[in-house]
Amino acid sequence: MFILKLFKNKYFLVVIGMMVWLLYFDKNDVFTQLDLIKKCNKLNAEKAYYITEIENNKKAIADLQNNTKSLETFAREKYRMKKDNEDVFVIVRK
C-alpha cells in the first residue's frame, strides 16, 4: 500500500528517473568517474616516479661532471671503454 502510493507520487518518480539517468546514462556517469579517478591516481604515481628519477639523474650528472673517477667508472661500465694497455672481457650470464 505504501509502496503503491510512493510510485504514484510524480516527484518520487522524477527523482528516481534523474538518479537512474545520472548514474547510468549521463556523459559523466559513475563508472566513467571511477575510471577517471583510477587514471588520475595512476598518472600521479607515474609523476612521482619520474620526479624522483629526474632528481637521481641530476645528481648523477653533477657527480659525473665534478668527479673524474666516477666518470671513468661510468665509461667503463656503460660503454665498455678501456685504456690503451688494457683488455676488456665481457662475461655474459644466461
C-alpha atoms as a PDB file:
ATOM      1  CA  MET A   1       0.000   0.000   0.000  1.00  0.00           C
ATOM      2  CA  PHE A   2       2.745   2.460   0.989  1.00  0.00           C
ATOM      3  CA  ILE A   3       4.866   1.417  -1.983  1.00  0.00           C
ATOM      4  CA  LEU A   4       1.933   1.885  -4.327  1.00  0.00           C
ATOM      5  CA  LYS A   5       1.410   5.437  -3.014  1.00  0.00           C
ATOM      6  CA  LEU A   6       5.102   6.090  -3.397  1.00  0.00           C
ATOM      7  CA  PHE A   7       5.097   5.059  -7.058  1.00  0.00           C
ATOM      8  CA  LYS A   8       2.032   7.215  -7.743  1.00  0.00           C
ATOM      9  CA  ASN A   9       3.904  10.290  -6.478  1.00  0.00           C
ATOM     10  CA  LYS A  10       5.194  12.136  -9.552  1.00  0.00           C
ATOM     11  CA  TYR A  11       8.034  13.823  -7.620  1.00  0.00           C
ATOM     12  CA  PHE A  12       9.343  10.494  -6.396  1.00  0.00           C
ATOM     13  CA  LEU A  13       9.256   9.128  -9.934  1.00  0.00           C
ATOM     14  CA  VAL A  14      11.101  12.190 -11.260  1.00  0.00           C
ATOM     15  CA  VAL A  15      13.793  11.864  -8.573  1.00  0.00           C
ATOM     16  CA  ILE A  16      14.220   8.141  -9.294  1.00  0.00           C
ATOM     17  CA  GLY A  17      14.372   8.850 -13.030  1.00  0.00           C
ATOM     18  CA  MET A  18      17.000  11.553 -12.560  1.00  0.00           C
ATOM     19  CA  MET A  19      19.073   9.297 -10.317  1.00  0.00           C
ATOM     20  CA  VAL A  20      18.974   6.489 -12.877  1.00  0.00           C
ATOM     21  CA  TRP A  21      19.835   8.912 -15.663  1.00  0.00           C
ATOM     22  CA  LEU A  22      22.779  10.408 -13.766  1.00  0.00           C
ATOM     23  CA  LEU A  23      24.093   7.051 -12.591  1.00  0.00           C
ATOM     24  CA  TYR A  24      23.989   5.166 -15.891  1.00  0.00           C
ATOM     25  CA  PHE A  25      23.185   7.225 -18.987  1.00  0.00           C
ATOM     26  CA  ASP A  26      24.810  10.610 -18.488  1.00  0.00           C
ATOM     27  CA  LYS A  27      28.118  11.555 -20.100  1.00  0.00           C
ATOM     28  CA  ASN A  28      29.654  11.832 -16.622  1.00  0.00           C
ATOM     29  CA  ASP A  29      28.147   8.707 -15.081  1.00  0.00           C
ATOM     30  CA  VAL A  30      29.535   6.991 -12.008  1.00  0.00           C
ATOM     31  CA  PHE A  31      31.509   4.356 -13.879  1.00  0.00           C
ATOM     32  CA  THR A  32      33.240   6.930 -16.070  1.00  0.00           C
ATOM     33  CA  GLN A  33      34.128   8.970 -13.000  1.00  0.00           C
ATOM     34  CA  LEU A  34      35.613   5.909 -11.281  1.00  0.00           C
ATOM     35  CA  ASP A  35      37.729   5.159 -14.348  1.00  0.00           C
ATOM     36  CA  LEU A  36      38.933   8.750 -14.460  1.00  0.00           C
ATOM     37  CA  ILE A  37      39.846   8.643 -10.770  1.00  0.00           C
ATOM     38  CA  LYS A  38      41.856   5.450 -11.336  1.00  0.00           C
ATOM     39  CA  LYS A  39      43.662   7.022 -14.300  1.00  0.00           C
ATOM     40  CA  CYS A  40      44.382  10.156 -12.295  1.00  0.00           C
ATOM     41  CA  ASN A  41      45.857   8.137  -9.419  1.00  0.00           C
ATOM     42  CA  LYS A  42      47.982   6.129 -11.839  1.00  0.00           C
ATOM     43  CA  LEU A  43      49.260   9.292 -13.513  1.00  0.00           C
ATOM     44  CA  ASN A  44      50.078  10.860 -10.142  1.00  0.00           C
ATOM     45  CA  ALA A  45      52.088   7.760  -9.207  1.00  0.00           C
ATOM     46  CA  GLU A  46      53.947   7.922 -12.530  1.00  0.00           C
ATOM     47  CA  LYS A  47      54.578  11.626 -11.988  1.00  0.00           C
ATOM     48  CA  ALA A  48      56.112  10.955  -8.574  1.00  0.00           C
ATOM     49  CA  TYR A  49      58.274   8.172 -10.057  1.00  0.00           C
ATOM     50  CA  TYR A  50      59.560  10.383 -12.850  1.00  0.00           C
ATOM     51  CA  ILE A  51      60.252  13.269 -10.490  1.00  0.00           C
ATOM     52  CA  THR A  52      62.439  11.018  -8.339  1.00  0.00           C
ATOM     53  CA  GLU A  53      64.157   9.652 -11.453  1.00  0.00           C
ATOM     54  CA  ILE A  54      64.872  13.183 -12.656  1.00  0.00           C
ATOM     55  CA  GLU A  55      66.385  14.080  -9.294  1.00  0.00           C
ATOM     56  CA  ASN A  56      68.538  10.930  -9.314  1.00  0.00           C
ATOM     57  CA  ASN A  57      69.707  11.678 -12.851  1.00  0.00           C
ATOM     58  CA  LYS A  58      70.539  15.277 -11.951  1.00  0.00           C
ATOM     59  CA  LYS A  59      72.661  14.034  -9.057  1.00  0.00           C
ATOM     60  CA  ALA A  60      74.386  11.511 -11.311  1.00  0.00           C
ATOM     61  CA  ILE A  61      75.111  14.167 -13.941  1.00  0.00           C
ATOM     62  CA  ALA A  62      76.526  16.524 -11.332  1.00  0.00           C
ATOM     63  CA  ASP A  63      78.686  13.707  -9.978  1.00  0.00           C
ATOM     64  CA  LEU A  64      79.935  12.828 -13.465  1.00  0.00           C
ATOM     65  CA  GLN A  65      80.771  16.455 -14.225  1.00  0.00           C
ATOM     66  CA  ASN A  66      82.678  17.001 -10.973  1.00  0.00           C
ATOM     67  CA  ASN A  67      84.348  13.659 -10.281  1.00  0.00           C
ATOM     68  CA  THR A  68      86.724  12.203 -12.889  1.00  0.00           C
ATOM     69  CA  LYS A  69      86.903   8.838 -11.096  1.00  0.00           C
ATOM     70  CA  SER A  70      83.130   8.373 -11.348  1.00  0.00           C
ATOM     71  CA  LEU A  71      83.247   9.474 -14.994  1.00  0.00           C
ATOM     72  CA  GLU A  72      85.867   6.826 -15.714  1.00  0.00           C
ATOM     73  CA  THR A  73      83.838   4.173 -13.884  1.00  0.00           C
ATOM     74  CA  PHE A  74      80.702   5.172 -15.796  1.00  0.00           C
ATOM     75  CA  ALA A  75      82.502   4.988 -19.157  1.00  0.00           C
ATOM     76  CA  ARG A  76      83.955   1.575 -18.332  1.00  0.00           C
ATOM     77  CA  GLU A  77      80.689   0.058 -17.112  1.00  0.00           C
ATOM     78  CA  LYS A  78      78.220   1.595 -19.541  1.00  0.00           C
ATOM     79  CA  TYR A  79      80.199   1.884 -22.758  1.00  0.00           C
ATOM     80  CA  ARG A  80      82.901  -0.739 -22.090  1.00  0.00           C
ATOM     81  CA  MET A  81      85.692   1.731 -22.737  1.00  0.00           C
ATOM     82  CA  LYS A  82      89.243   0.850 -21.807  1.00  0.00           C
ATOM     83  CA  LYS A  83      92.678   2.311 -21.547  1.00  0.00           C
ATOM     84  CA  ASP A  84      95.243   1.601 -24.259  1.00  0.00           C
ATOM     85  CA  ASN A  85      97.144  -1.007 -22.278  1.00  0.00           C
ATOM     86  CA  GLU A  86      94.087  -2.944 -21.038  1.00  0.00           C
ATOM     87  CA  ASP A  87      91.967  -5.792 -22.305  1.00  0.00           C
ATOM     88  CA  VAL A  88      88.253  -5.968 -21.566  1.00  0.00           C
ATOM     89  CA  PHE A  89      86.492  -9.268 -21.051  1.00  0.00           C
ATOM     90  CA  VAL A  90      82.709  -9.263 -21.070  1.00  0.00           C
ATOM     91  CA  ILE A  91      81.107 -12.189 -19.272  1.00  0.00           C
ATOM     92  CA  VAL A  92      77.525 -12.886 -20.280  1.00  0.00           C
ATOM     93  CA  ARG A  93      75.493 -14.985 -17.876  1.00  0.00           C
ATOM     94  CA  LYS A  94      72.396 -16.774 -19.066  1.00  0.00           C
END
